[in-house]
Amino acid sequence: MNIAVVDHEKSGLEDLTHKLHRVFPKSHIYSFQNPLEVLKFVQKNHIDILFTDIRTRPIDGYELIKVIRQQQAFYAYVVSGSRDHPDNLDWMNINGYFSKPVSDKELIHLKKELRIT
């Protein structure tokens, strides 16, 4: 399984990447500070799950999800410093929303929900 993580804040990126390695030890975790790097990566690689911050530049997390969805199917999760979550994520084509910092418990729940071994 390939998991991509995007966050312009280095500390947030490192924190989530470390937790994902712990919770998904059999997966390949790819970390990016720039969303354009992810777009290059997905041209040649499939991702199964994407965790992205909303406030990335030069394109935001919502736009990043939209562009990658035109190329492949994957689970998309927004990670934000805001505690306010949108009520309806369907229109954005997002599978879920996490507040920073994402906990191991939340990732374990997600792993069970997606039935990943």
C-alpha atoms as a PDB file:
ATOM      1  CA  MET A   1       0.000   0.000   0.000  1.00  0.00           C
ATOM      2  CA  ASN A   2       1.244   3.478  -0.908  1.00  0.00           C
ATOM      3  CA  ILE A   3       0.369   6.366   1.401  1.00  0.00           C
ATOM      4  CA  ALA A   4       1.217   9.971   0.502  1.00  0.00           C
ATOM      5  CA  VAL A   5       1.364  12.768   3.082  1.00  0.00           C
ATOM      6  CA  VAL A   6       1.450  16.466   2.188  1.00  0.00           C
ATOM      7  CA  ASP A   7       2.026  19.263   4.677  1.00  0.00           C
ATOM      8  CA  HIS A   8       3.890  22.516   4.169  1.00  0.00           C
ATOM      9  CA  GLU A   9       4.861  22.529   7.862  1.00  0.00           C
ATOM     10  CA  LYS A  10       7.870  20.276   8.340  1.00  0.00           C
ATOM     11  CA  SER A  11       7.059  19.384  11.951  1.00  0.00           C
ATOM     12  CA  GLY A  12       3.487  18.373  11.102  1.00  0.00           C
ATOM     13  CA  LEU A  13       4.701  16.344   8.140  1.00  0.00           C
ATOM     14  CA  GLU A  14       7.300  14.510  10.226  1.00  0.00           C
ATOM     15  CA  ASP A  15       4.834  13.836  13.045  1.00  0.00           C
ATOM     16  CA  LEU A  16       2.163  12.305  10.822  1.00  0.00           C
ATOM     17  CA  THR A  17       4.703  10.370   8.750  1.00  0.00           C
ATOM     18  CA  HIS A  18       6.193   8.842  11.907  1.00  0.00           C
ATOM     19  CA  LYS A  19       2.749   7.809  13.177  1.00  0.00           C
ATOM     20  CA  LEU A  20       1.797   6.307   9.817  1.00  0.00           C
ATOM     21  CA  HIS A  21       4.977   4.197   9.821  1.00  0.00           C
ATOM     22  CA  ARG A  22       3.951   2.889  13.252  1.00  0.00           C
ATOM     23  CA  VAL A  23       0.313   2.163  12.405  1.00  0.00           C
ATOM     24  CA  PHE A  24       0.841   0.983   8.798  1.00  0.00           C
ATOM     25  CA  PRO A  25       4.207  -0.838   9.053  1.00  0.00           C
ATOM     26  CA  LYS A  26       3.703  -2.826   5.830  1.00  0.00           C
ATOM     27  CA  SER A  27       2.968   0.298   3.764  1.00  0.00           C
ATOM     28  CA  HIS A  28       5.208   2.653   1.818  1.00  0.00           C
ATOM     29  CA  ILE A  29       4.885   6.178   3.213  1.00  0.00           C
ATOM     30  CA  TYR A  30       5.846   9.098   0.956  1.00  0.00           C
ATOM     31  CA  SER A  31       6.153  12.595   2.440  1.00  0.00           C
ATOM     32  CA  PHE A  32       5.980  15.873   0.547  1.00  0.00           C
ATOM     33  CA  GLN A  33       6.103  19.522   1.599  1.00  0.00           C
ATOM     34  CA  ASN A  34       5.145  20.757  -1.861  1.00  0.00           C
ATOM     35  CA  PRO A  35       1.931  19.495  -3.503  1.00  0.00           C
ATOM     36  CA  LEU A  36       3.491  19.818  -6.961  1.00  0.00           C
ATOM     37  CA  GLU A  37       5.934  17.053  -5.977  1.00  0.00           C
ATOM     38  CA  VAL A  38       2.962  14.769  -5.264  1.00  0.00           C
ATOM     39  CA  LEU A  39       1.511  15.511  -8.688  1.00  0.00           C
ATOM     40  CA  LYS A  40       4.802  14.423 -10.285  1.00  0.00           C
ATOM     41  CA  PHE A  41       4.870  11.304  -8.086  1.00  0.00           C
ATOM     42  CA  VAL A  42       1.351  10.172  -9.031  1.00  0.00           C
ATOM     43  CA  GLN A  43       2.130  10.427 -12.733  1.00  0.00           C
ATOM     44  CA  LYS A  44       4.250   7.280 -12.353  1.00  0.00           C
ATOM     45  CA  ASN A  45       2.963   5.795  -9.084  1.00  0.00           C
ATOM     46  CA  HIS A  46      -0.378   4.781  -7.642  1.00  0.00           C
ATOM     47  CA  ILE A  47      -1.374   5.976  -4.179  1.00  0.00           C
ATOM     48  CA  ASP A  48      -3.940   4.212  -2.039  1.00  0.00           C
ATOM     49  CA  ILE A  49      -4.348   6.913   0.607  1.00  0.00           C
ATOM     50  CA  LEU A  50      -3.583  10.634   0.602  1.00  0.00           C
ATOM     51  CA  PHE A  51      -3.375  12.768   3.736  1.00  0.00           C
ATOM     52  CA  THR A  52      -3.102  16.456   2.852  1.00  0.00           C
ATOM     53  CA  ASP A  53      -3.122  19.723   4.713  1.00  0.00           C
ATOM     54  CA  ILE A  54      -5.578  22.289   3.376  1.00  0.00           C
ATOM     55  CA  ARG A  55      -3.179  25.217   3.276  1.00  0.00           C
ATOM     56  CA  THR A  56      -0.562  23.984   0.844  1.00  0.00           C
ATOM     57  CA  ARG A  57       0.855  26.187  -1.892  1.00  0.00           C
ATOM     58  CA  PRO A  58       0.876  26.781  -4.803  1.00  0.00           C
ATOM     59  CA  ILE A  59      -2.327  24.696  -4.817  1.00  0.00           C
ATOM     60  CA  ASP A  60      -4.390  23.907  -1.729  1.00  0.00           C
ATOM     61  CA  GLY A  61      -5.268  20.445  -0.464  1.00  0.00           C
ATOM     62  CA  TYR A  62      -8.754  20.468  -1.976  1.00  0.00           C
ATOM     63  CA  GLU A  63      -7.406  21.288  -5.431  1.00  0.00           C
ATOM     64  CA  LEU A  64      -4.675  18.664  -5.008  1.00  0.00           C
ATOM     65  CA  ILE A  65      -7.282  15.981  -4.319  1.00  0.00           C
ATOM     66  CA  LYS A  66      -9.354  17.122  -7.295  1.00  0.00           C
ATOM     67  CA  VAL A  67      -6.403  16.947  -9.702  1.00  0.00           C
ATOM     68  CA  ILE A  68      -5.202  13.519  -8.523  1.00  0.00           C
ATOM     69  CA  ARG A  69      -8.766  12.120  -8.646  1.00  0.00           C
ATOM     70  CA  GLN A  70      -8.740  12.850 -12.384  1.00  0.00           C
ATOM     71  CA  GLN A  71      -5.845  10.380 -12.695  1.00  0.00           C
ATOM     72  CA  GLN A  72      -6.616   7.628 -10.193  1.00  0.00           C
ATOM     73  CA  ALA A  73      -8.856   6.383  -7.396  1.00  0.00           C
ATOM     74  CA  PHE A  74      -7.661   6.668  -3.779  1.00  0.00           C
ATOM     75  CA  TYR A  75      -8.850   7.507  -0.272  1.00  0.00           C
ATOM     76  CA  ALA A  76      -8.452  11.229   0.486  1.00  0.00           C
ATOM     77  CA  TYR A  77      -8.175  12.658   3.993  1.00  0.00           C
ATOM     78  CA  VAL A  78      -7.776  16.322   4.834  1.00  0.00           C
ATOM     79  CA  VAL A  79      -5.627  17.182   7.842  1.00  0.00           C
ATOM     80  CA  SER A  80      -6.068  20.663   9.261  1.00  0.00           C
ATOM     81  CA  GLY A  81      -5.056  22.780  12.203  1.00  0.00           C
ATOM     82  CA  SER A  82      -8.665  23.927  12.454  1.00  0.00           C
ATOM     83  CA  ARG A  83     -11.076  22.123  14.760  1.00  0.00           C
ATOM     84  CA  ASP A  84     -14.010  23.107  12.533  1.00  0.00           C
ATOM     85  CA  HIS A  85     -14.855  20.266  10.174  1.00  0.00           C
ATOM     86  CA  PRO A  86     -17.173  20.649   7.198  1.00  0.00           C
ATOM     87  CA  ASP A  87     -20.452  18.778   7.651  1.00  0.00           C
ATOM     88  CA  ASN A  88     -20.673  17.426   4.117  1.00  0.00           C
ATOM     89  CA  LEU A  89     -17.441  16.218   2.545  1.00  0.00           C
ATOM     90  CA  ASP A  90     -19.083  14.484  -0.433  1.00  0.00           C
ATOM     91  CA  TRP A  91     -19.131  17.551  -2.647  1.00  0.00           C
ATOM     92  CA  MET A  92     -15.363  17.873  -2.143  1.00  0.00           C
ATOM     93  CA  ASN A  93     -14.828  14.162  -2.865  1.00  0.00           C
ATOM     94  CA  ILE A  94     -13.066  13.692   0.487  1.00  0.00           C
ATOM     95  CA  ASN A  95     -13.284  10.533   2.579  1.00  0.00           C
ATOM     96  CA  GLY A  96     -12.556  12.143   5.936  1.00  0.00           C
ATOM     97  CA  TYR A  97     -11.212  15.048   7.912  1.00  0.00           C
ATOM     98  CA  PHE A  98      -8.692  15.019  10.769  1.00  0.00           C
ATOM     99  CA  SER A  99      -7.592  17.811  13.090  1.00  0.00           C
ATOM    100  CA  LYS A 100      -3.878  18.227  13.811  1.00  0.00           C
ATOM    101  CA  PRO A 101      -2.211  16.480  15.440  1.00  0.00           C
ATOM    102  CA  VAL A 102      -3.692  13.201  14.200  1.00  0.00           C
ATOM    103  CA  SER A 103      -3.518  10.595  16.952  1.00  0.00           C
ATOM    104  CA  ASP A 104      -2.395   6.983  16.697  1.00  0.00           C
ATOM    105  CA  LYS A 105      -5.873   6.038  17.909  1.00  0.00           C
ATOM    106  CA  GLU A 106      -7.501   7.837  14.956  1.00  0.00           C
ATOM    107  CA  LEU A 107      -5.147   6.128  12.511  1.00  0.00           C
ATOM    108  CA  ILE A 108      -5.780   2.713  14.057  1.00  0.00           C
ATOM    109  CA  HIS A 109      -9.532   3.329  13.742  1.00  0.00           C
ATOM    110  CA  LEU A 110      -9.055   4.316  10.088  1.00  0.00           C
ATOM    111  CA  LYS A 111      -6.994   1.184   9.433  1.00  0.00           C
ATOM    112  CA  LYS A 112      -9.801  -0.967  10.839  1.00  0.00           C
ATOM    113  CA  GLU A 113     -12.440   0.999   8.931  1.00  0.00           C
ATOM    114  CA  LEU A 114     -10.599   0.454   5.646  1.00  0.00           C
ATOM    115  CA  ARG A 115      -9.963  -3.199   6.572  1.00  0.00           C
ATOM    116  CA  ILE A 116      -6.229  -2.934   6.106  1.00  0.00           C
ATOM    117  CA  THR A 117      -4.140  -5.726   7.584  1.00  0.00           C
END
